[in-house]
Amino acid sequence: MRSHWDFFKESDTSMGVFYPLHYVLAAFETDARAHEVRMQFLAAGFAADNVAAVDGPFLVGTLESLEGSGLVERAKQAVVRFVGTEMGYIEDDRKTAARGAGFLFVYTPDEDSTQRAIELLRRTHPIYARRYNAAGIHRISYPRQSVL
């Protein structure tokens, strides 16, 4: 899989699938709302190079795209599809992006920054939010699947 974006400080793939390690990803109703929330994170002391807002087409068409994957990456992606974890989140992102959503990334390399981000997100009411950990994906806030 190709390199996605130089914003990411750590790996952005696992098993050939988009997996930005130590990042929180939150979805908001619009791109403008994601940018507003980014400003709230900056006002709360998060560094500008640790917080970014992106539109839906960039998330699903560039960051989560599987296009250009090699044979080994496609084999790994097949395993991920079988297990049904990351690919389900990518599908949620596609559906949400298709409705015009914007997305926020926050780099949270430690427990303190993670907890600060979670507290801020609770006040901003994202559609959903999750954090990519070394041991799996932590759902910070997620609606029932039928809502997506």
N, C-alpha and C. Protein backbone atom coordinates (compact mmCIF):
# COMPACT_ATOMS: atom_id res chain seq x y z
N MET A 1 0.85 -1.17 0.00
CA MET A 1 0.00 0.00 0.00
C MET A 1 0.90 1.23 0.00
N ARG A 2 0.50 2.21 -0.73
CA ARG A 2 1.32 3.42 -0.84
C ARG A 2 1.28 4.25 0.44
N SER A 3 2.23 5.13 0.57
CA SER A 3 2.25 6.06 1.69
C SER A 3 1.07 7.01 1.54
N HIS A 4 0.44 7.35 2.62
CA HIS A 4 -0.79 8.12 2.54
C HIS A 4 -0.62 9.62 2.74
N TRP A 5 0.02 10.02 3.85
CA TRP A 5 -0.01 11.43 4.21
C TRP A 5 1.10 11.68 5.21
N ASP A 6 1.88 12.71 5.00
CA ASP A 6 3.01 12.96 5.90
C ASP A 6 2.59 13.51 7.26
N PHE A 7 1.31 13.78 7.46
CA PHE A 7 0.80 14.21 8.77
C PHE A 7 1.02 13.12 9.82
N PHE A 8 0.93 11.87 9.41
CA PHE A 8 1.03 10.76 10.37
C PHE A 8 2.46 10.59 10.85
N LYS A 9 2.63 10.57 12.17
CA LYS A 9 3.94 10.46 12.77
C LYS A 9 4.40 9.01 12.91
N GLU A 10 3.46 8.09 12.87
CA GLU A 10 3.76 6.67 13.00
C GLU A 10 3.14 5.95 11.81
N SER A 11 3.15 4.66 11.86
CA SER A 11 2.60 3.85 10.78
C SER A 11 1.14 4.19 10.52
N ASP A 12 0.76 4.19 9.24
CA ASP A 12 -0.65 4.43 8.92
C ASP A 12 -1.31 3.20 8.31
N THR A 13 -0.63 2.07 8.35
CA THR A 13 -1.25 0.82 7.86
C THR A 13 -0.89 -0.33 8.80
N SER A 14 -1.76 -1.32 8.77
CA SER A 14 -1.53 -2.58 9.46
C SER A 14 -2.23 -3.65 8.62
N MET A 15 -1.53 -4.69 8.33
CA MET A 15 -2.08 -5.78 7.52
C MET A 15 -2.60 -5.26 6.17
N GLY A 16 -1.95 -4.24 5.63
CA GLY A 16 -2.33 -3.71 4.33
C GLY A 16 -3.55 -2.81 4.33
N VAL A 17 -4.05 -2.46 5.51
CA VAL A 17 -5.26 -1.66 5.65
C VAL A 17 -4.94 -0.40 6.45
N PHE A 18 -5.63 0.68 6.15
CA PHE A 18 -5.45 1.94 6.86
C PHE A 18 -5.60 1.74 8.36
N TYR A 19 -4.57 2.13 9.11
CA TYR A 19 -4.56 1.95 10.56
C TYR A 19 -3.57 2.95 11.15
N PRO A 20 -4.00 4.21 11.37
CA PRO A 20 -3.09 5.24 11.87
C PRO A 20 -2.84 5.09 13.38
N LEU A 21 -1.79 4.36 13.71
CA LEU A 21 -1.47 4.03 15.09
C LEU A 21 -1.34 5.27 15.96
N HIS A 22 -2.01 5.23 17.11
CA HIS A 22 -2.03 6.29 18.13
C HIS A 22 -2.77 7.55 17.69
N TYR A 23 -3.69 7.40 16.77
CA TYR A 23 -4.52 8.53 16.35
C TYR A 23 -5.97 8.28 16.72
N VAL A 24 -6.63 9.36 17.10
CA VAL A 24 -8.07 9.35 17.26
C VAL A 24 -8.64 9.84 15.93
N LEU A 25 -9.68 9.18 15.46
CA LEU A 25 -10.41 9.60 14.28
C LEU A 25 -11.85 9.85 14.71
N ALA A 26 -12.34 11.06 14.44
CA ALA A 26 -13.71 11.41 14.80
C ALA A 26 -14.43 11.94 13.56
N ALA A 27 -15.68 11.55 13.40
CA ALA A 27 -16.50 12.01 12.28
C ALA A 27 -17.48 13.07 12.77
N PHE A 28 -17.67 14.11 11.94
CA PHE A 28 -18.61 15.18 12.24
C PHE A 28 -19.54 15.39 11.05
N GLU A 29 -20.66 16.03 11.29
CA GLU A 29 -21.71 16.19 10.27
C GLU A 29 -21.20 16.84 8.99
N THR A 30 -20.28 17.80 9.11
CA THR A 30 -19.77 18.51 7.95
C THR A 30 -18.27 18.74 8.09
N ASP A 31 -17.66 19.05 6.97
CA ASP A 31 -16.25 19.40 6.96
C ASP A 31 -16.03 20.66 7.81
N ALA A 32 -16.93 21.62 7.70
CA ALA A 32 -16.81 22.86 8.48
C ALA A 32 -16.82 22.56 9.98
N ARG A 33 -17.68 21.64 10.41
CA ARG A 33 -17.74 21.29 11.83
C ARG A 33 -16.43 20.62 12.28
N ALA A 34 -15.86 19.77 11.45
CA ALA A 34 -14.58 19.15 11.79
C ALA A 34 -13.50 20.21 11.97
N HIS A 35 -13.51 21.22 11.11
CA HIS A 35 -12.53 22.32 11.24
C HIS A 35 -12.78 23.14 12.50
N GLU A 36 -14.04 23.36 12.87
CA GLU A 36 -14.36 24.06 14.12
C GLU A 36 -13.82 23.30 15.32
N VAL A 37 -14.02 22.00 15.31
CA VAL A 37 -13.55 21.18 16.43
C VAL A 37 -12.02 21.16 16.47
N ARG A 38 -11.39 21.18 15.31
CA ARG A 38 -9.93 21.27 15.27
C ARG A 38 -9.47 22.52 16.02
N MET A 39 -10.14 23.62 15.79
CA MET A 39 -9.79 24.87 16.46
C MET A 39 -9.98 24.76 17.98
N GLN A 40 -10.98 24.02 18.41
CA GLN A 40 -11.19 23.80 19.84
C GLN A 40 -10.04 23.00 20.44
N PHE A 41 -9.54 22.02 19.69
CA PHE A 41 -8.40 21.23 20.15
C PHE A 41 -7.15 22.12 20.26
N LEU A 42 -6.96 22.99 19.29
CA LEU A 42 -5.81 23.90 19.34
C LEU A 42 -5.92 24.84 20.53
N ALA A 43 -7.12 25.36 20.77
CA ALA A 43 -7.34 26.26 21.91
C ALA A 43 -7.12 25.54 23.23
N ALA A 44 -7.32 24.25 23.24
CA ALA A 44 -7.12 23.45 24.46
C ALA A 44 -5.67 23.03 24.65
N GLY A 45 -4.80 23.44 23.75
CA GLY A 45 -3.38 23.18 23.93
C GLY A 45 -2.77 22.08 23.09
N PHE A 46 -3.56 21.46 22.22
CA PHE A 46 -2.99 20.46 21.32
C PHE A 46 -2.17 21.18 20.25
N ALA A 47 -1.04 20.62 19.90
CA ALA A 47 -0.16 21.23 18.90
C ALA A 47 -0.79 21.15 17.51
N ALA A 48 -0.57 22.18 16.71
CA ALA A 48 -1.15 22.25 15.37
C ALA A 48 -0.74 21.06 14.50
N ASP A 49 0.46 20.54 14.69
CA ASP A 49 0.89 19.41 13.86
C ASP A 49 0.40 18.07 14.39
N ASN A 50 -0.43 18.10 15.45
CA ASN A 50 -1.03 16.88 16.00
C ASN A 50 -2.53 16.79 15.75
N VAL A 51 -3.11 17.80 15.12
CA VAL A 51 -4.56 17.83 14.89
C VAL A 51 -4.82 18.27 13.46
N ALA A 52 -5.64 17.51 12.75
CA ALA A 52 -5.96 17.85 11.37
C ALA A 52 -7.41 17.50 11.06
N ALA A 53 -8.04 18.33 10.26
CA ALA A 53 -9.39 18.08 9.78
C ALA A 53 -9.30 17.80 8.28
N VAL A 54 -10.05 16.79 7.84
CA VAL A 54 -10.07 16.44 6.42
C VAL A 54 -11.50 16.22 5.97
N ASP A 55 -11.72 16.36 4.67
CA ASP A 55 -13.06 16.09 4.15
C ASP A 55 -13.21 14.60 3.84
N GLY A 56 -14.43 14.20 3.63
CA GLY A 56 -14.73 12.79 3.36
C GLY A 56 -14.02 12.22 2.15
N PRO A 57 -14.02 12.93 1.01
CA PRO A 57 -13.33 12.37 -0.16
C PRO A 57 -11.84 12.10 0.08
N PHE A 58 -11.17 12.96 0.85
CA PHE A 58 -9.76 12.73 1.14
C PHE A 58 -9.59 11.50 2.03
N LEU A 59 -10.45 11.36 3.03
CA LEU A 59 -10.34 10.20 3.92
C LEU A 59 -10.54 8.90 3.15
N VAL A 60 -11.66 8.78 2.45
CA VAL A 60 -11.96 7.50 1.82
C VAL A 60 -11.24 7.29 0.49
N GLY A 61 -10.98 8.36 -0.24
CA GLY A 61 -10.36 8.22 -1.56
C GLY A 61 -8.86 8.19 -1.54
N THR A 62 -8.25 8.74 -0.50
CA THR A 62 -6.80 8.77 -0.42
C THR A 62 -6.28 7.96 0.75
N LEU A 63 -6.71 8.30 1.96
CA LEU A 63 -6.16 7.65 3.14
C LEU A 63 -6.58 6.18 3.26
N GLU A 64 -7.84 5.89 3.04
CA GLU A 64 -8.33 4.53 3.22
C GLU A 64 -8.35 3.73 1.92
N SER A 65 -7.93 4.32 0.83
CA SER A 65 -7.96 3.65 -0.46
C SER A 65 -7.06 2.41 -0.47
N LEU A 66 -7.56 1.36 -1.06
CA LEU A 66 -6.78 0.13 -1.21
C LEU A 66 -6.17 0.04 -2.60
N GLU A 67 -6.44 1.05 -3.40
CA GLU A 67 -5.91 1.09 -4.77
C GLU A 67 -4.39 1.06 -4.75
N GLY A 68 -3.82 0.32 -5.64
CA GLY A 68 -2.37 0.24 -5.73
C GLY A 68 -1.75 -0.78 -4.80
N SER A 69 -2.56 -1.56 -4.11
CA SER A 69 -2.04 -2.57 -3.20
C SER A 69 -1.37 -3.69 -3.99
N GLY A 70 -0.25 -4.14 -3.47
CA GLY A 70 0.47 -5.25 -4.08
C GLY A 70 -0.13 -6.59 -3.67
N LEU A 71 0.43 -7.66 -4.20
CA LEU A 71 -0.07 -9.01 -3.94
C LEU A 71 -0.06 -9.34 -2.45
N VAL A 72 1.04 -9.05 -1.78
CA VAL A 72 1.14 -9.35 -0.35
C VAL A 72 0.12 -8.53 0.44
N GLU A 73 -0.01 -7.25 0.10
CA GLU A 73 -0.99 -6.41 0.80
C GLU A 73 -2.41 -6.91 0.57
N ARG A 74 -2.72 -7.33 -0.65
CA ARG A 74 -4.07 -7.86 -0.94
C ARG A 74 -4.34 -9.12 -0.12
N ALA A 75 -3.33 -9.96 0.06
CA ALA A 75 -3.50 -11.17 0.87
C ALA A 75 -3.78 -10.79 2.32
N LYS A 76 -3.03 -9.82 2.84
CA LYS A 76 -3.28 -9.36 4.22
C LYS A 76 -4.67 -8.76 4.34
N GLN A 77 -5.10 -7.99 3.34
CA GLN A 77 -6.43 -7.38 3.37
C GLN A 77 -7.52 -8.44 3.39
N ALA A 78 -7.28 -9.56 2.69
CA ALA A 78 -8.25 -10.65 2.70
C ALA A 78 -8.41 -11.21 4.11
N VAL A 79 -7.32 -11.31 4.84
CA VAL A 79 -7.38 -11.78 6.23
C VAL A 79 -8.18 -10.79 7.07
N VAL A 80 -7.92 -9.50 6.89
CA VAL A 80 -8.64 -8.48 7.65
C VAL A 80 -10.13 -8.52 7.33
N ARG A 81 -10.46 -8.71 6.05
CA ARG A 81 -11.89 -8.82 5.67
C ARG A 81 -12.54 -10.01 6.37
N PHE A 82 -11.81 -11.13 6.41
CA PHE A 82 -12.34 -12.34 7.03
C PHE A 82 -12.59 -12.11 8.52
N VAL A 83 -11.66 -11.46 9.20
CA VAL A 83 -11.81 -11.19 10.62
C VAL A 83 -12.90 -10.16 10.85
N GLY A 84 -13.02 -9.21 9.92
CA GLY A 84 -14.14 -8.27 9.95
C GLY A 84 -13.97 -7.08 10.87
N THR A 85 -12.75 -6.65 11.15
CA THR A 85 -12.57 -5.53 12.07
C THR A 85 -12.40 -4.22 11.33
N GLU A 86 -11.17 -3.91 10.90
CA GLU A 86 -10.89 -2.62 10.30
C GLU A 86 -11.75 -2.32 9.08
N MET A 87 -12.05 -3.31 8.27
CA MET A 87 -12.84 -3.08 7.06
C MET A 87 -14.24 -2.59 7.40
N GLY A 88 -14.78 -3.01 8.52
CA GLY A 88 -16.09 -2.51 8.94
C GLY A 88 -16.04 -1.02 9.26
N TYR A 89 -14.97 -0.59 9.88
CA TYR A 89 -14.81 0.84 10.18
C TYR A 89 -14.65 1.64 8.89
N ILE A 90 -13.90 1.11 7.95
CA ILE A 90 -13.71 1.79 6.67
C ILE A 90 -15.06 1.92 5.95
N GLU A 91 -15.87 0.90 6.02
CA GLU A 91 -17.20 0.98 5.40
C GLU A 91 -18.06 2.05 6.09
N ASP A 92 -17.98 2.12 7.41
CA ASP A 92 -18.70 3.19 8.13
C ASP A 92 -18.23 4.56 7.66
N ASP A 93 -16.91 4.71 7.50
CA ASP A 93 -16.37 5.99 7.04
C ASP A 93 -16.88 6.33 5.64
N ARG A 94 -16.95 5.35 4.77
CA ARG A 94 -17.45 5.59 3.41
C ARG A 94 -18.89 6.07 3.43
N LYS A 95 -19.72 5.41 4.21
CA LYS A 95 -21.12 5.82 4.31
C LYS A 95 -21.26 7.22 4.89
N THR A 96 -20.50 7.50 5.92
CA THR A 96 -20.57 8.81 6.58
C THR A 96 -20.04 9.90 5.66
N ALA A 97 -18.94 9.62 4.97
CA ALA A 97 -18.37 10.59 4.02
C ALA A 97 -19.34 10.89 2.89
N ALA A 98 -20.07 9.88 2.44
CA ALA A 98 -21.02 10.07 1.35
C ALA A 98 -22.14 11.04 1.73
N ARG A 99 -22.38 11.18 3.03
CA ARG A 99 -23.40 12.12 3.50
C ARG A 99 -22.82 13.51 3.76
N GLY A 100 -21.56 13.74 3.39
CA GLY A 100 -20.95 15.06 3.52
C GLY A 100 -20.19 15.31 4.80
N ALA A 101 -19.87 14.26 5.54
CA ALA A 101 -19.18 14.43 6.82
C ALA A 101 -17.74 14.92 6.64
N GLY A 102 -17.23 15.51 7.71
CA GLY A 102 -15.83 15.87 7.83
C GLY A 102 -15.22 15.03 8.94
N PHE A 103 -13.90 14.92 8.94
CA PHE A 103 -13.23 14.03 9.88
C PHE A 103 -12.07 14.75 10.56
N LEU A 104 -11.84 14.38 11.80
CA LEU A 104 -10.77 14.98 12.59
C LEU A 104 -9.81 13.88 13.01
N PHE A 105 -8.51 14.15 12.86
CA PHE A 105 -7.46 13.27 13.37
C PHE A 105 -6.74 14.00 14.49
N VAL A 106 -6.48 13.27 15.58
CA VAL A 106 -5.72 13.81 16.70
C VAL A 106 -4.67 12.78 17.08
N TYR A 107 -3.41 13.21 17.09
CA TYR A 107 -2.33 12.33 17.50
C TYR A 107 -2.29 12.27 19.02
N THR A 108 -2.45 11.06 19.56
CA THR A 108 -2.48 10.86 21.00
C THR A 108 -1.52 9.72 21.35
N PRO A 109 -0.23 10.03 21.47
CA PRO A 109 0.77 8.98 21.66
C PRO A 109 0.83 8.40 23.06
N ASP A 110 0.15 9.02 24.03
CA ASP A 110 0.22 8.54 25.41
C ASP A 110 -1.15 8.63 26.07
N GLU A 111 -1.22 8.10 27.28
CA GLU A 111 -2.49 8.05 28.01
C GLU A 111 -3.04 9.45 28.31
N ASP A 112 -2.16 10.38 28.68
CA ASP A 112 -2.60 11.73 29.01
C ASP A 112 -3.26 12.42 27.81
N SER A 113 -2.59 12.40 26.66
CA SER A 113 -3.17 13.06 25.48
C SER A 113 -4.43 12.34 25.02
N THR A 114 -4.47 11.04 25.20
CA THR A 114 -5.67 10.28 24.82
C THR A 114 -6.85 10.70 25.69
N GLN A 115 -6.65 10.78 26.99
CA GLN A 115 -7.74 11.17 27.89
C GLN A 115 -8.19 12.61 27.64
N ARG A 116 -7.25 13.51 27.38
CA ARG A 116 -7.61 14.89 27.07
C ARG A 116 -8.45 14.95 25.79
N ALA A 117 -8.06 14.18 24.78
CA ALA A 117 -8.80 14.16 23.52
C ALA A 117 -10.21 13.59 23.72
N ILE A 118 -10.31 12.53 24.50
CA ILE A 118 -11.62 11.92 24.75
C ILE A 118 -12.54 12.92 25.46
N GLU A 119 -12.03 13.62 26.45
CA GLU A 119 -12.85 14.61 27.16
C GLU A 119 -13.33 15.72 26.22
N LEU A 120 -12.44 16.21 25.37
CA LEU A 120 -12.85 17.24 24.40
C LEU A 120 -13.88 16.70 23.43
N LEU A 121 -13.69 15.50 22.96
CA LEU A 121 -14.63 14.92 22.01
C LEU A 121 -16.01 14.73 22.62
N ARG A 122 -16.07 14.37 23.87
CA ARG A 122 -17.38 14.21 24.52
C ARG A 122 -18.17 15.50 24.50
N ARG A 123 -17.48 16.63 24.54
CA ARG A 123 -18.16 17.93 24.51
C ARG A 123 -18.53 18.37 23.10
N THR A 124 -17.91 17.78 22.10
CA THR A 124 -18.16 18.21 20.72
C THR A 124 -19.15 17.33 19.98
N HIS A 125 -19.53 16.20 20.56
CA HIS A 125 -20.56 15.31 20.04
C HIS A 125 -20.31 14.85 18.60
N PRO A 126 -19.24 14.10 18.38
CA PRO A 126 -19.01 13.57 17.03
C PRO A 126 -20.06 12.51 16.69
N ILE A 127 -20.19 12.22 15.41
CA ILE A 127 -21.05 11.11 14.98
C ILE A 127 -20.50 9.83 15.58
N TYR A 128 -19.20 9.68 15.49
CA TYR A 128 -18.48 8.58 16.15
C TYR A 128 -17.02 8.98 16.29
N ALA A 129 -16.33 8.26 17.17
CA ALA A 129 -14.90 8.49 17.37
C ALA A 129 -14.27 7.18 17.81
N ARG A 130 -13.04 6.98 17.36
CA ARG A 130 -12.30 5.78 17.73
C ARG A 130 -10.81 6.12 17.79
N ARG A 131 -10.06 5.30 18.53
CA ARG A 131 -8.61 5.47 18.63
C ARG A 131 -7.94 4.18 18.20
N TYR A 132 -6.91 4.32 17.40
CA TYR A 132 -6.14 3.19 16.91
C TYR A 132 -5.00 2.90 17.88
N ASN A 133 -5.10 1.81 18.60
CA ASN A 133 -4.11 1.37 19.57
C ASN A 133 -3.26 0.25 18.99
N ALA A 134 -2.16 -0.05 19.65
CA ALA A 134 -1.32 -1.17 19.22
C ALA A 134 -2.08 -2.49 19.35
N ALA A 135 -2.98 -2.58 20.32
CA ALA A 135 -3.70 -3.83 20.58
C ALA A 135 -5.10 -3.87 19.97
N GLY A 136 -5.48 -2.88 19.18
CA GLY A 136 -6.80 -2.88 18.57
C GLY A 136 -7.39 -1.48 18.53
N ILE A 137 -8.62 -1.41 18.05
CA ILE A 137 -9.30 -0.14 17.92
C ILE A 137 -10.23 0.06 19.10
N HIS A 138 -10.08 1.19 19.77
CA HIS A 138 -10.92 1.53 20.91
C HIS A 138 -12.05 2.46 20.44
N ARG A 139 -13.28 2.03 20.64
CA ARG A 139 -14.44 2.87 20.31
C ARG A 139 -14.64 3.88 21.42
N ILE A 140 -14.46 5.13 21.09
CA ILE A 140 -14.68 6.20 22.06
C ILE A 140 -16.16 6.54 22.12
N SER A 141 -16.75 6.67 20.96
CA SER A 141 -18.16 7.00 20.83
C SER A 141 -18.63 6.39 19.51
N TYR A 142 -19.68 5.59 19.57
CA TYR A 142 -20.14 4.95 18.35
C TYR A 142 -21.64 4.70 18.42
N PRO A 143 -22.39 5.09 17.38
CA PRO A 143 -23.83 4.83 17.40
C PRO A 143 -24.12 3.37 17.06
N ARG A 144 -25.36 3.00 17.23
CA ARG A 144 -25.76 1.67 16.76
C ARG A 144 -25.47 1.57 15.27
N GLN A 145 -25.10 0.44 14.79
CA GLN A 145 -24.73 0.26 13.38
C GLN A 145 -25.87 0.62 12.44
N SER A 146 -27.10 0.44 12.85
CA SER A 146 -28.21 0.75 11.97
C SER A 146 -28.31 2.25 11.67
N VAL A 147 -27.71 3.09 12.53
CA VAL A 147 -27.74 4.53 12.33
C VAL A 147 -26.84 4.94 11.19
N LEU A 148 -25.71 4.25 11.03
CA LEU A 148 -24.77 4.60 9.97
C LEU A 148 -25.35 4.20 8.65
